[in-house]
Amino acid sequence: MICQRWTYRVGNSTVMVDNAFNWLGWAQERLRVNDETVQDSRGLFRTHQSYAEPWLTTIGEGELSVRMSARLMSIQCVLLVNGVRLEPETYTATRWSGPKNSWPPEADWRPARRGDFMVAPKAGAAKG
């Protein structure tokens, strides 16, 4: 599996978006908030995934939304809070040969580098 993780700081929370895929068409994704999985999905030949979660902000209730999409040679992840795009604090990745529906150990994740199939956000995005 080729795995990518985008880590965001949203207020006092840590939000992680994980994606993993293989060249046979399998893909799996999950959304974690403070180390708790709040959404996950998996299947064959998935090119897009979206999640939405209620989110309490300093001005009241809002929504945290995530959109992932497969590009030609990369995965793009966009996280929005009340429609405002946030930039990840870190990008991590790993290659892993574990079974479907499972994830690599935390110790296997390393800082992402060129060739890790990740799209960096455009300049000008806000941090949480």
C-alpha atoms as a PDB file:
ATOM      1  CA  MET A   1       0.000   0.000   0.000  1.00  0.00           C
ATOM      2  CA  ILE A   2       1.118   3.523  -0.764  1.00  0.00           C
ATOM      3  CA  CYS A   3       0.029   5.669   2.203  1.00  0.00           C
ATOM      4  CA  GLN A   4      -0.276   9.425   2.672  1.00  0.00           C
ATOM      5  CA  ARG A   5      -1.250  11.495   5.718  1.00  0.00           C
ATOM      6  CA  TRP A   6      -2.136  15.161   5.998  1.00  0.00           C
ATOM      7  CA  THR A   7      -2.083  16.537   9.579  1.00  0.00           C
ATOM      8  CA  TYR A   8      -3.939  19.745  10.422  1.00  0.00           C
ATOM      9  CA  ARG A   9      -4.255  21.821  13.582  1.00  0.00           C
ATOM     10  CA  VAL A  10      -7.844  23.047  13.897  1.00  0.00           C
ATOM     11  CA  GLY A  11      -8.192  25.083  17.078  1.00  0.00           C
ATOM     12  CA  ASN A  12      -7.075  22.799  19.908  1.00  0.00           C
ATOM     13  CA  SER A  13      -7.618  19.631  17.858  1.00  0.00           C
ATOM     14  CA  THR A  14      -5.337  17.550  15.687  1.00  0.00           C
ATOM     15  CA  VAL A  15      -7.052  16.353  12.512  1.00  0.00           C
ATOM     16  CA  MET A  16      -5.423  13.644  10.398  1.00  0.00           C
ATOM     17  CA  VAL A  17      -6.575  12.560   6.963  1.00  0.00           C
ATOM     18  CA  ASP A  18      -5.098   9.247   5.812  1.00  0.00           C
ATOM     19  CA  ASN A  19      -5.221   7.685   2.356  1.00  0.00           C
ATOM     20  CA  ALA A  20      -3.797   4.371   1.168  1.00  0.00           C
ATOM     21  CA  PHE A  21      -3.989   2.673  -2.212  1.00  0.00           C
ATOM     22  CA  ASN A  22      -2.415  -0.078  -4.261  1.00  0.00           C
ATOM     23  CA  TRP A  23      -1.902  -0.463  -7.991  1.00  0.00           C
ATOM     24  CA  LEU A  24      -4.647  -3.128  -8.200  1.00  0.00           C
ATOM     25  CA  GLY A  25      -7.344  -0.485  -7.569  1.00  0.00           C
ATOM     26  CA  TRP A  26      -7.867  -0.822  -3.798  1.00  0.00           C
ATOM     27  CA  ALA A  27      -8.157   2.418  -1.807  1.00  0.00           C
ATOM     28  CA  GLN A  28      -8.974   3.253   1.798  1.00  0.00           C
ATOM     29  CA  GLU A  29      -9.321   6.536   3.645  1.00  0.00           C
ATOM     30  CA  ARG A  30      -9.947   7.706   7.179  1.00  0.00           C
ATOM     31  CA  LEU A  31     -10.523  10.937   9.084  1.00  0.00           C
ATOM     32  CA  ARG A  32      -9.160  11.078  12.630  1.00  0.00           C
ATOM     33  CA  VAL A  33      -9.682  13.780  15.253  1.00  0.00           C
ATOM     34  CA  ASN A  34      -7.386  13.656  18.288  1.00  0.00           C
ATOM     35  CA  ASP A  35      -6.419  10.053  17.434  1.00  0.00           C
ATOM     36  CA  GLU A  36     -10.040   8.873  17.191  1.00  0.00           C
ATOM     37  CA  THR A  37     -11.325   7.657  13.820  1.00  0.00           C
ATOM     38  CA  VAL A  38     -14.541   9.544  13.057  1.00  0.00           C
ATOM     39  CA  GLN A  39     -14.978   8.497   9.400  1.00  0.00           C
ATOM     40  CA  ASP A  40     -13.508   5.750   7.250  1.00  0.00           C
ATOM     41  CA  SER A  41     -14.167   4.250   3.864  1.00  0.00           C
ATOM     42  CA  ARG A  42     -12.684   1.709   1.486  1.00  0.00           C
ATOM     43  CA  GLY A  43     -13.273  -0.011  -1.824  1.00  0.00           C
ATOM     44  CA  LEU A  44     -12.124  -0.681  -5.358  1.00  0.00           C
ATOM     45  CA  PHE A  45     -11.438   1.989  -7.974  1.00  0.00           C
ATOM     46  CA  ARG A  46     -12.235   4.975  -5.768  1.00  0.00           C
ATOM     47  CA  THR A  47     -11.138   8.284  -7.245  1.00  0.00           C
ATOM     48  CA  HIS A  48     -12.934  10.707  -4.892  1.00  0.00           C
ATOM     49  CA  GLN A  49     -13.960  10.737  -1.233  1.00  0.00           C
ATOM     50  CA  SER A  50     -15.656  13.406   0.861  1.00  0.00           C
ATOM     51  CA  TYR A  51     -16.335  13.618   4.583  1.00  0.00           C
ATOM     52  CA  ALA A  52     -18.262  16.181   6.618  1.00  0.00           C
ATOM     53  CA  GLU A  53     -18.340  16.508  10.408  1.00  0.00           C
ATOM     54  CA  PRO A  54     -20.074  18.999  12.692  1.00  0.00           C
ATOM     55  CA  TRP A  55     -17.454  21.298  14.201  1.00  0.00           C
ATOM     56  CA  LEU A  56     -17.698  23.707  17.112  1.00  0.00           C
ATOM     57  CA  THR A  57     -15.869  26.961  16.362  1.00  0.00           C
ATOM     58  CA  THR A  58     -15.269  30.098  18.410  1.00  0.00           C
ATOM     59  CA  ILE A  59     -18.345  31.646  16.766  1.00  0.00           C
ATOM     60  CA  GLY A  60     -20.651  28.634  17.090  1.00  0.00           C
ATOM     61  CA  GLU A  61     -21.374  25.427  15.249  1.00  0.00           C
ATOM     62  CA  GLY A  62     -19.915  24.852  11.830  1.00  0.00           C
ATOM     63  CA  GLU A  63     -18.671  22.097   9.564  1.00  0.00           C
ATOM     64  CA  LEU A  64     -15.319  20.471   8.957  1.00  0.00           C
ATOM     65  CA  SER A  65     -15.218  18.975   5.474  1.00  0.00           C
ATOM     66  CA  VAL A  66     -12.589  16.947   3.658  1.00  0.00           C
ATOM     67  CA  ARG A  67     -12.286  16.224  -0.050  1.00  0.00           C
ATOM     68  CA  MET A  68      -9.753  13.796  -1.461  1.00  0.00           C
ATOM     69  CA  SER A  69      -9.278  13.153  -5.138  1.00  0.00           C
ATOM     70  CA  ALA A  70      -6.941  11.028  -7.209  1.00  0.00           C
ATOM     71  CA  ARG A  71      -4.836  12.845  -9.778  1.00  0.00           C
ATOM     72  CA  LEU A  72      -2.700  11.282 -12.483  1.00  0.00           C
ATOM     73  CA  MET A  73       0.244  10.598 -10.145  1.00  0.00           C
ATOM     74  CA  SER A  74      -0.907  12.000  -6.795  1.00  0.00           C
ATOM     75  CA  ILE A  75      -3.664  12.318  -4.219  1.00  0.00           C
ATOM     76  CA  GLN A  76      -4.996  15.759  -3.319  1.00  0.00           C
ATOM     77  CA  CYS A  77      -6.556  16.514   0.061  1.00  0.00           C
ATOM     78  CA  VAL A  78      -8.503  19.681   0.845  1.00  0.00           C
ATOM     79  CA  LEU A  79      -9.774  20.407   4.370  1.00  0.00           C
ATOM     80  CA  LEU A  80     -12.243  23.233   4.996  1.00  0.00           C
ATOM     81  CA  VAL A  81     -13.715  24.621   8.210  1.00  0.00           C
ATOM     82  CA  ASN A  82     -16.879  26.589   7.471  1.00  0.00           C
ATOM     83  CA  GLY A  83     -15.736  26.910   3.869  1.00  0.00           C
ATOM     84  CA  VAL A  84     -12.257  28.226   4.713  1.00  0.00           C
ATOM     85  CA  ARG A  85      -9.430  26.084   3.375  1.00  0.00           C
ATOM     86  CA  LEU A  86      -6.711  25.174   5.876  1.00  0.00           C
ATOM     87  CA  GLU A  87      -3.139  24.179   5.128  1.00  0.00           C
ATOM     88  CA  PRO A  88      -1.676  20.991   6.642  1.00  0.00           C
ATOM     89  CA  GLU A  89       0.974  21.354   9.323  1.00  0.00           C
ATOM     90  CA  THR A  90       2.701  18.166   8.200  1.00  0.00           C
ATOM     91  CA  TYR A  91       2.722  15.711   5.331  1.00  0.00           C
ATOM     92  CA  THR A  92       3.764  12.141   6.094  1.00  0.00           C
ATOM     93  CA  ALA A  93       3.869   8.962   4.056  1.00  0.00           C
ATOM     94  CA  THR A  94       4.880   5.317   4.106  1.00  0.00           C
ATOM     95  CA  ARG A  95       4.896   2.209   1.943  1.00  0.00           C
ATOM     96  CA  TRP A  96       3.304  -0.746   3.654  1.00  0.00           C
ATOM     97  CA  SER A  97       2.473  -4.357   2.838  1.00  0.00           C
ATOM     98  CA  GLY A  98      -0.220  -5.007   5.451  1.00  0.00           C
ATOM     99  CA  PRO A  99      -3.711  -6.356   4.759  1.00  0.00           C
ATOM    100  CA  LYS A 100      -6.604  -4.328   3.368  1.00  0.00           C
ATOM    101  CA  ASN A 101      -8.787  -2.536   5.947  1.00  0.00           C
ATOM    102  CA  SER A 102      -5.841  -1.938   8.269  1.00  0.00           C
ATOM    103  CA  TRP A 103      -3.221   0.775   8.654  1.00  0.00           C
ATOM    104  CA  PRO A 104       0.544   0.841   9.213  1.00  0.00           C
ATOM    105  CA  PRO A 105       1.879   1.358  12.733  1.00  0.00           C
ATOM    106  CA  GLU A 106       2.436   4.985  13.729  1.00  0.00           C
ATOM    107  CA  ALA A 107       6.196   4.388  13.893  1.00  0.00           C
ATOM    108  CA  ASP A 108       6.266   3.602  10.137  1.00  0.00           C
ATOM    109  CA  TRP A 109       5.092   7.084   9.069  1.00  0.00           C
ATOM    110  CA  ARG A 110       7.889   9.465   7.984  1.00  0.00           C
ATOM    111  CA  PRO A 111       8.010  12.995   6.551  1.00  0.00           C
ATOM    112  CA  ALA A 112       6.758  12.988   2.968  1.00  0.00           C
ATOM    113  CA  ARG A 113       9.192  13.549   0.144  1.00  0.00           C
ATOM    114  CA  ARG A 114       9.133  13.819  -3.617  1.00  0.00           C
ATOM    115  CA  GLY A 115       7.532  10.736  -5.144  1.00  0.00           C
ATOM    116  CA  ASP A 116       5.070  10.107  -2.287  1.00  0.00           C
ATOM    117  CA  PHE A 117       2.005  10.830  -4.464  1.00  0.00           C
ATOM    118  CA  MET A 118       0.862  13.914  -2.499  1.00  0.00           C
ATOM    119  CA  VAL A 119      -0.342  17.291  -3.762  1.00  0.00           C
ATOM    120  CA  ALA A 120       0.664  20.267  -1.618  1.00  0.00           C
ATOM    121  CA  PRO A 121      -2.008  22.985  -1.209  1.00  0.00           C
ATOM    122  CA  LYS A 122      -1.756  26.192  -3.166  1.00  0.00           C
ATOM    123  CA  ALA A 123      -0.062  29.159  -1.523  1.00  0.00           C
ATOM    124  CA  GLY A 124      -2.278  31.462   0.496  1.00  0.00           C
ATOM    125  CA  ALA A 125      -4.201  28.821   2.442  1.00  0.00           C
ATOM    126  CA  ALA A 126      -4.894  29.631   6.085  1.00  0.00           C
ATOM    127  CA  LYS A 127      -3.604  27.587   9.016  1.00  0.00           C
ATOM    128  CA  GLY A 128      -6.141  26.412  11.618  1.00  0.00           C
END
